[in-house]
């Protein structure tokens, strides 16, 4: 009996090598849409209905996925090393750290007292996640760009945004932390925003004119749509000191308005792209790349609607142009946020079910028992 259990355990651990790293992208997207729906129902209803339980369910699923992938990484270090050398894989690895940032924010939200156990544990986990993210970013820059990257021959993926700009995910949970100074999150936001500005033209040019990814990786283009919504989402969470009077500062006003409007445009285009991808391409794990862009697009609209409502409430003159602008904006972005949230939830839930079925087949059937991962074939 003990021998049989040992064999089954070894077989299970061996099978984890066939789990794609795309599961971490799925965990990030599912955790993101859970937070989005919780925020949507808590902020825009007039009843005592508490929707926080939605984020509880999604975060526990995120933790489960992260646990399985952590077991995979610990049991197969050669696989992790192989992924660090593969261009697209190394650009997706930070989603593992980004998912832990969401978990850290969830833990810290239990108690706002600075020195409570939840604040201490959440803060430590966040710092570790951010630290590992920077390590992967450094490896991405060093390995991909300096040694392997040849502009004429290699593809440029939308996922190249993930290592430098994905750090802003930490900013989306910033208001849950009382132990970590806000300047820490502001630094991360500026780092991500500047990285996006510097990379946008380069990545966009190569994706549009220089190369086309193979069919199995076509869905990864969705990541290109994520930063324009992640930037304002992090901005709203980190720079909560902004009030109506601060909007007299032209650069702040321009940054906030332009990014939110562009976010609306990009989100609309993203959903068109997603439906086109579902229609024209066979489902594969890379479809997980579409989950977080979809979730953060909806989140950005919900946060923007809430911020516009706050600004409109602070304006006493209801006949002023400023009031009319922000009041109209809260309704436009509020409706868009509701629609995008529901659509995103359906998209992400479908991908989640398909990926859980795939994971079950990999771990509990002999689907891939006769296959050897490429990392063990290479020297």
Protein backbone atom coordinates (compact mmCIF):
# COMPACT_ATOMS: atom_id res chain seq x y z
CA UNK A 1 0.00 0.00 0.00
CA UNK A 2 2.78 2.40 0.97
CA UNK A 3 4.79 1.38 -2.11
CA UNK A 4 1.77 1.94 -4.36
CA UNK A 5 1.17 5.37 -2.86
CA UNK A 6 4.83 6.26 -3.41
CA UNK A 7 4.58 5.24 -7.08
CA UNK A 8 1.40 7.28 -7.55
CA UNK A 9 3.01 10.30 -5.89
CA UNK A 10 6.08 10.06 -8.10
CA UNK A 11 3.91 9.70 -11.18
CA UNK A 12 1.88 12.76 -10.17
CA UNK A 13 5.01 14.85 -9.59
CA UNK A 14 6.45 13.72 -12.92
CA UNK A 15 3.23 14.67 -14.71
CA UNK A 16 3.40 18.22 -13.36
CA UNK A 17 6.22 18.87 -15.85
CA UNK A 18 3.59 18.88 -18.60
CA UNK A 19 1.61 21.71 -16.99
CA UNK A 20 2.10 24.85 -19.12
CA UNK A 21 3.33 28.07 -17.49
CA UNK A 22 0.18 29.64 -18.96
CA UNK A 23 -1.63 28.57 -15.77
CA UNK A 24 -0.01 31.47 -13.92
CA UNK A 25 -1.48 33.87 -16.48
CA UNK A 26 -4.86 32.24 -15.90
CA UNK A 27 -4.53 32.65 -12.12
CA UNK A 28 -3.68 36.33 -12.59
CA UNK A 29 -6.63 36.93 -14.89
CA UNK A 30 -9.10 35.04 -12.70
CA UNK A 31 -7.91 36.83 -9.57
CA UNK A 32 -8.19 40.13 -11.41
CA UNK A 33 -11.76 39.59 -12.57
CA UNK A 34 -12.74 38.49 -9.05
CA UNK A 35 -11.45 41.77 -7.61
CA UNK A 36 -13.15 43.65 -10.44
CA UNK A 37 -16.58 42.11 -9.80
CA UNK A 38 -16.23 42.65 -6.06
CA UNK A 39 -15.37 46.30 -6.66
CA UNK A 40 -18.18 46.70 -9.18
CA UNK A 41 -20.95 45.40 -6.92
CA UNK A 42 -19.62 47.04 -3.74
CA UNK A 43 -19.20 50.49 -5.31
CA UNK A 44 -22.27 50.71 -7.49
CA UNK A 45 -25.16 49.34 -5.46
CA UNK A 46 -27.37 51.06 -2.93
CA UNK A 47 -28.06 48.03 -0.77
CA UNK A 48 -26.13 46.36 2.03
CA UNK A 49 -25.06 43.58 -0.32
CA UNK A 50 -21.39 42.73 0.30
CA UNK A 51 -19.70 41.26 -2.76
CA UNK A 52 -16.32 40.66 -1.13
CA UNK A 53 -17.03 36.93 -1.12
CA UNK A 54 -16.47 36.97 -4.90
CA UNK A 55 -12.82 37.93 -4.47
CA UNK A 56 -12.51 35.32 -1.69
CA UNK A 57 -13.53 32.51 -4.06
CA UNK A 58 -11.30 33.69 -6.89
CA UNK A 59 -8.27 34.24 -4.66
CA UNK A 60 -8.54 30.74 -3.20
CA UNK A 61 -8.56 29.35 -6.74
CA UNK A 62 -5.54 31.53 -7.51
CA UNK A 63 -3.73 30.11 -4.46
CA UNK A 64 -4.58 26.56 -5.59
CA UNK A 65 -3.15 27.17 -9.09
CA UNK A 66 -0.04 28.83 -7.65
CA UNK A 67 0.47 25.89 -5.29
CA UNK A 68 0.36 23.38 -8.15
CA UNK A 69 2.72 25.47 -10.31
CA UNK A 70 5.08 25.93 -7.34
CA UNK A 71 5.21 22.14 -6.92
CA UNK A 72 5.92 21.89 -10.66
CA UNK A 73 8.77 24.41 -10.46
CA UNK A 74 10.32 22.82 -7.37
CA UNK A 75 10.16 19.29 -8.79
CA UNK A 76 11.43 20.30 -12.22
CA UNK A 77 14.09 23.01 -11.87
CA UNK A 78 15.46 22.05 -15.30
CA UNK A 79 12.07 22.93 -16.79
CA UNK A 80 12.16 26.35 -15.14
CA UNK A 81 15.70 26.92 -16.43
CA UNK A 82 14.57 25.94 -19.93
CA UNK A 83 11.66 28.39 -19.79
CA UNK A 84 14.02 31.18 -18.77
CA UNK A 85 15.87 30.66 -22.05
CA UNK A 86 12.77 30.68 -24.27
CA UNK A 87 11.78 34.16 -25.43
CA UNK A 88 8.04 34.00 -24.96
CA UNK A 89 8.18 31.83 -21.83
CA UNK A 90 10.52 34.13 -19.93
CA UNK A 91 8.27 37.08 -20.74
CA UNK A 92 5.29 35.22 -19.23
CA UNK A 93 7.04 33.97 -16.08
CA UNK A 94 6.44 37.25 -14.18
CA UNK A 95 2.71 36.44 -14.11
CA UNK A 96 3.68 33.99 -11.36
CA UNK A 97 4.96 36.89 -9.24
CA UNK A 98 2.05 39.12 -10.24
CA UNK A 99 -0.43 36.50 -8.99
CA UNK A 100 1.37 36.45 -5.63
CA UNK A 101 0.98 40.25 -5.50
CA UNK A 102 -2.80 39.79 -5.67
CA UNK A 103 -2.64 37.16 -2.92
CA UNK A 104 -0.51 39.51 -0.79
CA UNK A 105 -3.08 42.28 -1.23
CA UNK A 106 -5.84 39.88 -0.24
CA UNK A 107 -4.02 38.85 2.95
CA UNK A 108 -3.26 42.47 3.89
CA UNK A 109 -6.91 43.46 3.42
CA UNK A 110 -7.99 41.47 6.48
CA UNK A 111 -6.70 44.10 8.92
CA UNK A 112 -5.65 47.69 8.24
CA UNK A 113 -3.75 48.03 11.55
CA UNK A 114 -0.11 48.67 10.60
CA UNK A 115 1.48 45.97 12.74
CA UNK A 116 -1.22 43.30 12.49
CA UNK A 117 -0.19 39.80 11.43
CA UNK A 118 -2.09 40.08 8.13
CA UNK A 119 -0.31 43.35 7.29
CA UNK A 120 3.10 41.90 8.14
CA UNK A 121 2.54 38.65 6.20
CA UNK A 122 0.97 40.44 3.23
CA UNK A 123 3.74 43.05 3.12
CA UNK A 124 6.51 40.44 3.27
CA UNK A 125 4.85 38.41 0.51
CA UNK A 126 4.45 41.50 -1.66
CA UNK A 127 8.09 42.56 -1.22
CA UNK A 128 9.24 39.03 -2.09
CA UNK A 129 6.97 38.94 -5.16
CA UNK A 130 8.20 42.34 -6.36
CA UNK A 131 11.80 41.30 -5.70
CA UNK A 132 11.47 38.09 -7.72
CA UNK A 133 9.72 40.06 -10.45
CA UNK A 134 12.73 42.37 -10.72
CA UNK A 135 15.03 39.33 -10.83
CA UNK A 136 13.06 37.85 -13.75
CA UNK A 137 13.04 41.27 -15.41
CA UNK A 138 16.82 41.43 -15.11
CA UNK A 139 17.17 37.94 -16.52
CA UNK A 140 14.77 38.83 -19.36
CA UNK A 141 16.82 41.88 -20.32
CA UNK A 142 20.17 40.11 -19.97
CA UNK A 143 19.29 36.80 -21.60
CA UNK A 144 16.79 37.75 -24.29
CA UNK A 145 18.12 41.09 -25.43
CA UNK A 146 21.86 40.74 -24.95
CA UNK A 147 22.43 37.11 -25.90
CA UNK A 148 19.51 35.66 -27.84
CA UNK A 149 17.67 38.61 -29.36
CA UNK A 150 18.32 39.23 -33.04
CA UNK A 151 15.91 41.83 -34.37
CA UNK A 152 15.98 40.52 -37.93
CA UNK A 153 15.20 36.92 -37.07
CA UNK A 154 13.28 36.76 -33.80
CA UNK A 155 9.67 37.48 -33.07
CA UNK A 156 8.46 40.25 -30.80
CA UNK A 157 5.50 39.26 -28.62
CA UNK A 158 2.98 41.41 -26.80
CA UNK A 159 4.09 39.55 -23.69
CA UNK A 160 7.34 41.54 -23.79
CA UNK A 161 5.36 44.15 -21.85
CA UNK A 162 4.90 41.78 -18.91
CA UNK A 163 8.35 41.87 -17.20
CA UNK A 164 8.72 45.69 -16.91
CA UNK A 165 5.09 46.88 -16.83
CA UNK A 166 3.49 43.98 -14.97
CA UNK A 167 4.99 45.37 -11.76
CA UNK A 168 2.11 47.87 -11.70
CA UNK A 169 -0.12 45.01 -10.51
CA UNK A 170 1.37 45.72 -7.08
CA UNK A 171 -0.08 49.23 -7.32
CA UNK A 172 -3.61 47.89 -7.90
CA UNK A 173 -3.61 46.49 -4.34
CA UNK A 174 -1.65 49.38 -2.80
CA UNK A 175 -4.54 50.69 -0.69
CA UNK A 176 -4.63 47.38 1.23
CA UNK A 177 -1.22 48.06 2.78
CA UNK A 178 -0.62 50.37 5.72
CA UNK A 179 2.86 49.04 6.53
CA UNK A 180 4.41 49.80 3.12
CA UNK A 181 4.82 53.53 2.34
CA UNK A 182 2.88 54.85 -0.65
CA UNK A 183 6.13 56.16 -2.17
CA UNK A 184 7.13 52.54 -2.78
CA UNK A 185 4.09 52.01 -4.98
CA UNK A 186 4.54 55.38 -6.67
CA UNK A 187 8.08 54.37 -7.66
CA UNK A 188 6.78 51.11 -9.12
CA UNK A 189 4.06 52.98 -11.03
CA UNK A 190 6.51 55.46 -12.52
CA UNK A 191 8.88 52.62 -13.45
CA UNK A 192 6.10 50.73 -15.22
CA UNK A 193 4.68 53.82 -16.92
CA UNK A 194 8.06 54.98 -18.26
CA UNK A 195 8.80 51.43 -19.44
CA UNK A 196 5.51 51.39 -21.33
CA UNK A 197 6.21 54.73 -23.00
CA UNK A 198 9.67 53.54 -24.07
CA UNK A 199 8.51 50.13 -25.32
CA UNK A 200 5.20 50.99 -26.97
CA UNK A 201 6.45 52.11 -30.39
CA UNK A 202 9.10 49.38 -30.56
CA UNK A 203 6.79 46.48 -29.70
CA UNK A 204 3.90 47.84 -31.77
CA UNK A 205 6.08 48.39 -34.84
CA UNK A 206 7.50 44.87 -34.81
CA UNK A 207 4.13 43.24 -34.13
CA UNK A 208 2.41 45.11 -36.96
CA UNK A 209 5.08 45.22 -39.65
CA UNK A 210 7.96 42.87 -38.93
CA UNK A 211 6.62 39.53 -37.83
CA UNK A 212 3.60 37.37 -37.23
CA UNK A 213 3.57 34.76 -34.45
CA UNK A 214 2.79 31.16 -35.28
CA UNK A 215 -0.85 30.15 -35.02
CA UNK A 216 -0.45 28.44 -31.64
CA UNK A 217 0.80 31.71 -30.10
CA UNK A 218 -1.52 34.13 -31.85
CA UNK A 219 -3.58 34.63 -28.67
CA UNK A 220 -0.53 36.12 -26.93
CA UNK A 221 -1.07 39.33 -28.92
CA UNK A 222 -3.82 40.13 -26.38
CA UNK A 223 -1.15 41.13 -23.85
CA UNK A 224 -0.43 44.16 -26.06
CA UNK A 225 -3.78 45.61 -24.91
CA UNK A 226 -3.14 45.24 -21.17
CA UNK A 227 -0.72 48.06 -20.20
CA UNK A 228 -2.96 50.92 -21.35
CA UNK A 229 -5.52 49.78 -18.76
CA UNK A 230 -3.05 48.65 -16.10
CA UNK A 231 -1.41 52.10 -16.03
CA UNK A 232 -4.57 54.09 -15.09
CA UNK A 233 -5.72 51.34 -12.70
CA UNK A 234 -2.47 51.61 -10.77
CA UNK A 235 -2.56 55.41 -11.03
CA UNK A 236 -5.99 55.66 -9.41
CA UNK A 237 -5.01 53.32 -6.57
CA UNK A 238 -1.65 54.91 -5.79
CA UNK A 239 -2.36 58.60 -6.27
CA UNK A 240 -5.45 58.81 -4.07
CA UNK A 241 -4.34 62.26 -2.90
CA UNK A 242 -5.73 63.66 -6.13
CA UNK A 243 -8.73 65.93 -5.63
CA UNK A 244 -10.58 68.31 -7.89
CA UNK A 245 -8.13 71.12 -7.14
CA UNK A 246 -5.20 68.94 -8.20
CA UNK A 247 -6.73 68.63 -11.64
CA UNK A 248 -5.72 72.23 -12.29
CA UNK A 249 -2.28 70.72 -12.80
CA UNK A 250 -2.35 70.22 -16.55
CA UNK A 251 -0.06 67.20 -16.73
CA UNK A 252 -2.10 65.22 -14.17
CA UNK A 253 -5.39 66.08 -15.83
CA UNK A 254 -4.06 65.20 -19.29
CA UNK A 255 -2.48 61.93 -18.12
CA UNK A 256 -5.59 60.72 -16.35
CA UNK A 257 -8.09 61.69 -19.04
CA UNK A 258 -6.07 60.44 -22.01
CA UNK A 259 -5.15 57.10 -20.45
CA UNK A 260 -8.72 56.35 -19.42
CA UNK A 261 -10.14 57.25 -22.83
CA UNK A 262 -7.43 55.27 -24.59
CA UNK A 263 -8.12 52.43 -22.17
CA UNK A 264 -11.76 52.43 -23.22
CA UNK A 265 -10.79 52.31 -26.91
CA UNK A 266 -8.20 49.57 -26.37
CA UNK A 267 -10.60 47.48 -24.26
CA UNK A 268 -13.25 47.65 -26.97
CA UNK A 269 -10.70 46.54 -29.57
CA UNK A 270 -9.48 43.79 -27.23
CA UNK A 271 -12.89 42.13 -27.01
CA UNK A 272 -13.23 42.22 -30.79
CA UNK A 273 -9.81 40.59 -31.03
CA UNK A 274 -10.70 37.93 -28.42
CA UNK A 275 -13.90 36.90 -30.19
CA UNK A 276 -12.03 36.78 -33.50
CA UNK A 277 -9.38 34.55 -31.91
CA UNK A 278 -11.99 32.17 -30.50
CA UNK A 279 -13.65 31.98 -33.90
CA UNK A 280 -10.57 31.42 -36.04
CA UNK A 281 -8.13 29.48 -33.87
CA UNK A 282 -8.20 26.19 -32.02
CA UNK A 283 -8.10 26.48 -28.22
CA UNK A 284 -4.68 26.04 -26.61
CA UNK A 285 -3.05 27.11 -23.30
CA UNK A 286 -1.79 30.38 -24.81
CA UNK A 287 -5.44 31.53 -24.71
CA UNK A 288 -4.71 32.19 -21.02
CA UNK A 289 -2.82 35.25 -22.25
CA UNK A 290 -6.19 36.86 -22.93
CA UNK A 291 -7.49 36.56 -19.36
CA UNK A 292 -5.56 39.31 -17.59
CA UNK A 293 -5.88 41.92 -20.38
CA UNK A 294 -9.62 41.27 -20.34
CA UNK A 295 -9.83 41.53 -16.54
CA UNK A 296 -7.70 44.67 -16.22
CA UNK A 297 -9.65 46.33 -19.03
CA UNK A 298 -12.88 45.87 -17.09
CA UNK A 299 -11.21 46.89 -13.82
CA UNK A 300 -9.90 50.09 -15.37
CA UNK A 301 -13.39 51.09 -16.48
CA UNK A 302 -14.89 50.38 -13.03
CA UNK A 303 -12.15 52.32 -11.22
CA UNK A 304 -12.42 55.23 -13.65
CA UNK A 305 -16.19 55.42 -13.16
CA UNK A 306 -15.69 55.52 -9.39
CA UNK A 307 -13.04 58.23 -9.66
CA UNK A 308 -15.21 60.34 -11.98
CA UNK A 309 -18.09 60.00 -9.55
CA UNK A 310 -15.86 61.11 -6.68
CA UNK A 311 -14.69 64.15 -8.64
CA UNK A 312 -18.24 65.07 -9.69
CA UNK A 313 -19.39 64.85 -6.05
CA UNK A 314 -16.69 67.32 -4.97
CA UNK A 315 -17.89 69.97 -7.42
CA UNK A 316 -20.55 72.23 -5.86
CA UNK A 317 -21.56 74.02 -9.05
CA UNK A 318 -23.64 71.43 -10.88
CA UNK A 319 -23.92 73.70 -13.90
CA UNK A 320 -20.16 73.94 -14.44
CA UNK A 321 -18.46 72.26 -17.38
CA UNK A 322 -16.26 70.25 -15.00
CA UNK A 323 -19.28 68.77 -13.23
CA UNK A 324 -21.01 67.91 -16.49
CA UNK A 325 -17.84 66.27 -17.80
CA UNK A 326 -17.18 64.10 -14.75
CA UNK A 327 -20.87 63.30 -14.19
CA UNK A 328 -21.25 62.13 -17.79
CA UNK A 329 -17.97 60.26 -17.52
CA UNK A 330 -19.07 58.28 -14.48
CA UNK A 331 -22.12 57.00 -16.37
CA UNK A 332 -20.26 56.21 -19.58
CA UNK A 333 -17.41 54.39 -17.85
CA UNK A 334 -19.80 52.84 -15.33
CA UNK A 335 -21.92 51.23 -18.04
CA UNK A 336 -18.80 50.20 -19.96
CA UNK A 337 -17.32 48.74 -16.77
CA UNK A 338 -20.44 46.69 -16.08
CA UNK A 339 -20.61 45.30 -19.63
CA UNK A 340 -16.86 44.64 -19.82
CA UNK A 341 -16.90 42.94 -16.40
CA UNK A 342 -19.66 40.50 -17.36
CA UNK A 343 -18.10 39.75 -20.75
CA UNK A 344 -14.66 39.28 -19.16
CA UNK A 345 -16.07 36.97 -16.50
CA UNK A 346 -17.67 34.76 -19.17
CA UNK A 347 -14.49 34.69 -21.27
CA UNK A 348 -12.21 33.93 -18.32
CA UNK A 349 -14.60 31.33 -16.88
CA UNK A 350 -14.67 29.48 -20.20
CA UNK A 351 -10.87 29.46 -20.41
CA UNK A 352 -10.67 28.40 -16.75
CA UNK A 353 -12.95 25.40 -17.32
CA UNK A 354 -11.03 24.33 -20.42
CA UNK A 355 -7.70 24.64 -18.61
CA UNK A 356 -8.94 22.76 -15.55
CA UNK A 357 -10.10 19.93 -17.80
CA UNK A 358 -6.68 19.90 -19.46
CA UNK A 359 -4.94 19.96 -16.08
CA UNK A 360 -7.03 17.04 -14.85
CA UNK A 361 -6.17 15.00 -17.93
CA UNK A 362 -2.46 15.77 -17.55
CA UNK A 363 -2.27 14.98 -13.82
CA UNK A 364 -4.75 12.13 -13.41
CA UNK A 365 -4.74 10.28 -16.74
CA UNK A 366 -2.01 8.89 -18.98
CA UNK A 367 -2.56 11.63 -21.58
CA UNK A 368 1.11 12.64 -21.70
CA UNK A 369 2.80 9.73 -19.93
CA UNK A 370 4.55 8.70 -23.14
CA UNK A 371 5.78 12.22 -23.87
CA UNK A 372 8.98 13.83 -22.64
CA UNK A 373 9.19 17.57 -22.14
CA UNK A 374 11.62 19.25 -24.59
CA UNK A 375 13.72 20.53 -21.67
CA UNK A 376 14.81 16.94 -20.94
CA UNK A 377 15.70 16.31 -24.57
CA UNK A 378 18.06 19.26 -24.82
CA UNK A 379 21.57 19.06 -23.45
